[in-house]
Protein backbone atom coordinates (compact mmCIF):
# COMPACT_ATOMS: atom_id res chain seq x y z
CA MET A 1 -0.03 0.06 0.01
CA SER A 2 1.52 3.47 -1.07
CA GLU A 3 1.95 6.13 1.60
CA GLU A 4 -0.65 8.33 -0.11
CA VAL A 5 -3.24 5.45 0.16
CA LYS A 6 -2.28 4.94 3.79
CA LYS A 7 -2.88 8.47 4.64
CA THR A 8 -6.23 8.31 2.93
CA VAL A 9 -7.36 5.18 4.70
CA ASN A 10 -6.05 6.46 8.17
CA ARG A 11 -7.65 9.88 7.92
CA ASP A 12 -9.64 10.75 10.90
CA TYR A 13 -13.12 12.29 10.52
CA TYR A 14 -14.60 14.33 13.40
CA LYS A 15 -18.07 14.37 14.50
CA VAL A 16 -19.22 17.43 16.37
CA LEU A 17 -22.01 17.94 18.58
CA LEU A 18 -23.07 21.63 19.12
CA VAL A 19 -25.23 21.65 22.13
CA GLY A 20 -27.08 24.69 23.53
CA GLN A 21 -30.71 26.03 23.96
CA SER A 22 -32.59 28.19 21.47
CA GLY A 23 -31.25 31.58 20.67
CA LYS A 24 -27.71 30.65 21.52
CA GLY A 25 -26.65 30.96 17.88
CA LYS A 26 -26.00 27.28 16.88
CA THR A 27 -27.65 27.49 13.40
CA TYR A 28 -26.36 30.93 12.81
CA SER A 29 -22.73 29.72 13.25
CA PHE A 30 -22.99 27.84 9.92
CA ARG A 31 -23.39 31.22 7.98
CA ASN A 32 -19.64 31.03 6.60
CA MET A 33 -19.63 27.28 5.49
CA ASN A 34 -18.95 26.77 1.80
CA PRO A 35 -22.46 26.77 0.10
CA GLU A 36 -21.07 24.52 -2.56
CA THR A 37 -19.66 21.84 -0.53
CA THR A 38 -21.66 21.60 2.54
CA GLY A 39 -24.60 19.31 2.98
CA PHE A 40 -27.33 20.90 5.17
CA ILE A 41 -30.04 18.74 6.54
CA ASN A 42 -32.43 21.06 7.94
CA CYS A 43 -34.66 18.83 10.23
CA GLU A 44 -36.06 21.96 11.88
CA GLN A 45 -37.65 23.04 8.49
CA LYS A 46 -37.10 26.57 9.50
CA PRO A 47 -35.66 29.47 7.36
CA LEU A 48 -32.03 29.96 8.17
CA PRO A 49 -30.93 33.05 10.03
CA PHE A 50 -28.68 33.99 7.21
CA LYS A 51 -28.96 33.99 3.39
CA ASN A 52 -29.16 30.54 2.10
CA ASN A 53 -27.12 29.66 -0.71
CA PHE A 54 -26.43 25.98 0.25
CA LYS A 55 -26.49 23.82 -3.16
CA TYR A 56 -27.36 20.71 -1.04
CA HIS A 57 -30.07 21.63 1.36
CA CYS A 58 -33.08 19.58 2.34
CA LYS A 59 -35.88 19.59 4.80
CA PRO A 60 -36.82 16.06 5.59
CA GLY A 61 -40.24 15.35 6.84
CA SER A 62 -39.39 12.03 8.78
CA TYR A 63 -36.81 10.39 10.51
CA LYS A 64 -36.45 7.70 7.79
CA GLU A 65 -35.80 10.60 5.24
CA VAL A 66 -33.07 12.12 7.53
CA LEU A 67 -31.24 8.93 7.45
CA GLU A 68 -31.56 8.45 3.78
CA VAL A 69 -30.21 12.05 3.06
CA ILE A 70 -27.29 11.28 5.45
CA LYS A 71 -26.36 8.34 3.31
CA GLU A 72 -26.83 10.05 0.30
CA TYR A 73 -24.72 12.97 1.26
CA ALA A 74 -22.00 10.81 2.85
CA THR A 75 -21.51 9.25 -0.76
CA ASN A 76 -21.57 12.60 -2.49
CA ASP A 77 -17.91 13.35 -3.26
CA ALA A 78 -18.87 17.06 -3.81
CA ILE A 79 -19.83 17.47 -0.33
CA THR A 80 -16.75 17.90 2.20
CA ALA A 81 -18.84 18.55 5.28
CA MET A 82 -22.36 17.73 6.50
CA VAL A 83 -24.65 19.64 9.05
CA VAL A 84 -27.76 18.09 10.73
CA ASP A 85 -29.92 20.63 12.45
CA SER A 86 -30.92 19.23 14.86
CA PHE A 87 -30.62 15.86 16.62
CA SER A 88 -33.35 17.09 19.00
CA CYS A 89 -35.82 17.58 16.03
CA TYR A 90 -34.77 14.22 14.69
CA MET A 91 -35.67 12.41 17.86
CA GLU A 92 -39.11 14.38 17.89
CA MET A 93 -39.78 12.90 14.45
CA VAL A 94 -38.89 9.47 15.74
CA LEU A 95 -41.20 9.73 18.78
CA SER A 96 -43.98 10.89 16.96
CA GLU A 97 -43.95 7.88 14.53
CA ALA A 98 -43.27 5.51 17.20
CA ARG A 99 -46.22 6.70 18.96
CA THR A 100 -48.38 6.44 15.87
CA THR A 101 -47.17 2.98 14.74
CA LYS A 102 -46.12 1.21 18.00
CA LYS A 103 -47.64 0.35 21.41
CA GLY A 104 -46.06 0.07 24.83
CA PHE A 105 -42.53 -0.83 25.17
CA ASP A 106 -42.27 -1.08 21.50
CA ILE A 107 -42.43 2.76 21.36
CA TRP A 108 -39.30 2.91 23.32
CA ASN A 109 -37.54 0.11 21.55
CA LEU A 110 -37.94 1.97 18.32
CA TYR A 111 -36.81 5.36 19.95
CA ASN A 112 -33.63 3.89 21.27
CA GLU A 113 -32.94 1.87 18.20
CA THR A 114 -32.96 4.99 16.02
CA ILE A 115 -30.54 6.63 18.31
CA SER A 116 -28.15 3.92 17.71
CA MET A 117 -28.94 3.95 14.12
CA PHE A 118 -28.49 7.73 13.66
CA ASN A 119 -25.05 7.52 15.64
CA ASN A 120 -23.87 4.67 13.47
CA TYR A 121 -24.75 6.42 10.03
CA ILE A 122 -22.79 9.49 11.26
CA LYS A 123 -19.74 7.59 12.59
CA LYS A 124 -19.48 5.63 9.17
CA CYS A 125 -19.50 9.00 7.36
CA ASN A 126 -16.14 9.89 5.74
CA LYS A 127 -16.28 13.63 6.21
CA GLU A 128 -16.87 16.02 9.30
CA VAL A 129 -20.37 16.17 10.54
CA TYR A 130 -21.75 18.93 12.71
CA ILE A 131 -25.03 18.15 14.71
CA THR A 132 -26.92 20.74 16.76
CA ALA A 133 -28.73 19.55 19.89
CA HIS A 134 -30.57 20.91 22.93
CA TYR A 135 -29.59 19.90 26.67
CA GLU A 136 -31.12 18.73 29.77
CA VAL A 137 -29.75 19.03 33.33
CA LEU A 138 -29.24 15.59 34.95
CA GLY A 139 -27.78 14.25 37.99
CA ILE A 140 -24.55 12.66 37.17
CA GLU A 141 -22.19 11.27 39.82
CA GLY A 142 -23.78 13.30 42.50
CA ALA A 143 -23.67 16.69 40.44
CA MET A 144 -26.28 18.33 38.32
CA GLU A 145 -24.67 18.28 34.83
CA LYS A 146 -25.88 19.52 31.24
CA ARG A 147 -26.13 16.49 28.71
CA VAL A 148 -27.74 16.24 25.33
CA LYS A 149 -31.48 15.86 25.84
CA VAL A 150 -33.14 12.53 25.06
CA LYS A 151 -36.41 11.04 26.33
CA GLY A 152 -36.38 7.75 28.25
CA LYS A 153 -33.75 6.24 30.38
CA GLU A 154 -31.70 3.92 27.95
CA ASN A 155 -29.70 6.70 26.28
CA GLU A 156 -30.06 9.39 29.07
CA GLY A 157 -26.71 11.40 29.60
CA ILE A 158 -24.67 9.11 27.14
CA VAL A 159 -25.34 10.29 23.72
CA GLU A 160 -22.06 12.27 23.91
CA ARG A 161 -20.03 9.01 24.05
CA ASP A 162 -20.11 8.51 20.24
CA TYR A 163 -18.53 11.91 19.53
CA SER A 164 -15.04 13.23 19.74
CA ILE A 165 -16.00 16.81 20.03
CA VAL A 166 -18.82 18.40 22.08
CA LEU A 167 -19.03 22.02 22.11
CA TYR A 168 -21.54 24.27 24.17
CA ALA A 169 -23.07 27.35 22.58
CA ASP A 170 -23.55 30.50 24.80
CA SER A 171 -23.65 34.19 24.45
CA LYS A 172 -23.31 37.49 26.48
CA PHE A 173 -23.78 41.09 26.00
CA ASN A 174 -20.64 43.20 25.61
CA ASP A 175 -20.03 46.68 27.01
CA LYS A 176 -22.17 48.25 24.09
CA GLY A 177 -25.17 45.98 24.89
CA VAL A 178 -24.55 43.71 21.72
CA PRO A 179 -24.77 39.96 22.20
CA GLU A 180 -21.70 37.96 21.44
CA TYR A 181 -21.92 34.40 20.62
CA TYR A 182 -19.31 31.64 21.17
CA TYR A 183 -18.69 27.99 21.77
CA ASN A 184 -17.08 26.67 25.02
CA LEU A 185 -14.58 23.81 24.41
CA ALA A 186 -14.64 22.83 28.10
CA GLN A 187 -17.08 24.06 30.73
CA GLU A 188 -17.71 22.78 34.30
CA LEU A 189 -20.93 20.80 34.86
CA THR A 190 -21.28 20.18 31.10
CA SER A 191 -20.27 17.30 28.79
CA ALA A 192 -18.14 19.68 26.64
CA LYS A 193 -15.10 17.98 25.29
CA CYS A 194 -12.35 18.66 22.50
CA PRO A 195 -8.88 17.23 21.74
CA PRO A 196 -6.65 20.07 23.22
CA ASP A 197 -4.28 20.12 20.23
CA ILE A 198 -6.88 21.25 17.70
CA PHE A 199 -7.12 24.72 19.09
CA GLY A 200 -4.55 24.79 21.64
CA PRO A 201 -4.42 23.44 25.25
CA GLU A 202 -5.10 26.92 26.66
CA ILE A 203 -8.08 27.71 24.57
CA LEU A 204 -11.40 27.06 26.35
CA LYS A 205 -13.65 29.54 24.20
CA ILE A 206 -13.96 30.01 20.44
CA THR A 207 -15.77 32.07 17.95
CA ASN A 208 -19.11 31.23 16.90
CA ASP A 209 -18.08 30.31 13.35
CA ILE A 210 -18.20 26.59 12.19
CA LYS A 211 -16.07 27.39 9.15
CA TYR A 212 -13.35 28.42 11.31
CA ILE A 213 -13.73 25.05 13.47
CA ASP A 214 -14.01 23.16 10.21
CA ASP A 215 -10.75 24.57 9.02
CA LYS A 216 -8.93 24.07 12.26
CA ILE A 217 -9.98 20.37 12.32
CA LYS A 218 -8.97 19.73 8.93
CA GLU A 219 -5.53 21.36 9.49
CA PHE A 220 -5.19 19.19 12.67
CA VAL A 221 -5.85 16.01 10.81
CA LYS A 222 -3.44 16.68 8.09
């Protein structure tokens, strides 16, 4: 096997969870992503908070459509990064269908199976994937901690284990009364995590710009 092929085979692709409540700038942070090479899966089915020039942009109406589009975008060589906005809405689609087609424990069996299915689709995708999500506050080892929100107990507090990077969106008002949006790479009482060498071990907060984050990740894996 040539060195060039080895490098291609060994390329690491990062799957990034962007966690935060509504109004913290998660969707807006995609504003500078390349509109020609970004696959945007708009589960929320809402207008984007910036001019939408994405060549690959869809609004799936069911969780099965979400999975099909992930498979389609994953095999499209023209797409170099994928966005799923949001995991929370995807799970709402799952629960809605489960309650319509299943009964009793079968509802939650389908719900939990599709969390695993979603994560497996994402992990197998050979490109960077950015997924937005909301959080809930759970008791973790005696402390109240922010974790990605799911219903039921089987996946409660553990969704993050399948992701290498988990960033928490936040905002504050500056001295001029203008809101500033950013992501926390590490934060007490949250599930935030990030390899320190991507941005630097001393960096705990970064700009609200996924293009910048995507560039830093691709630079790191080179």
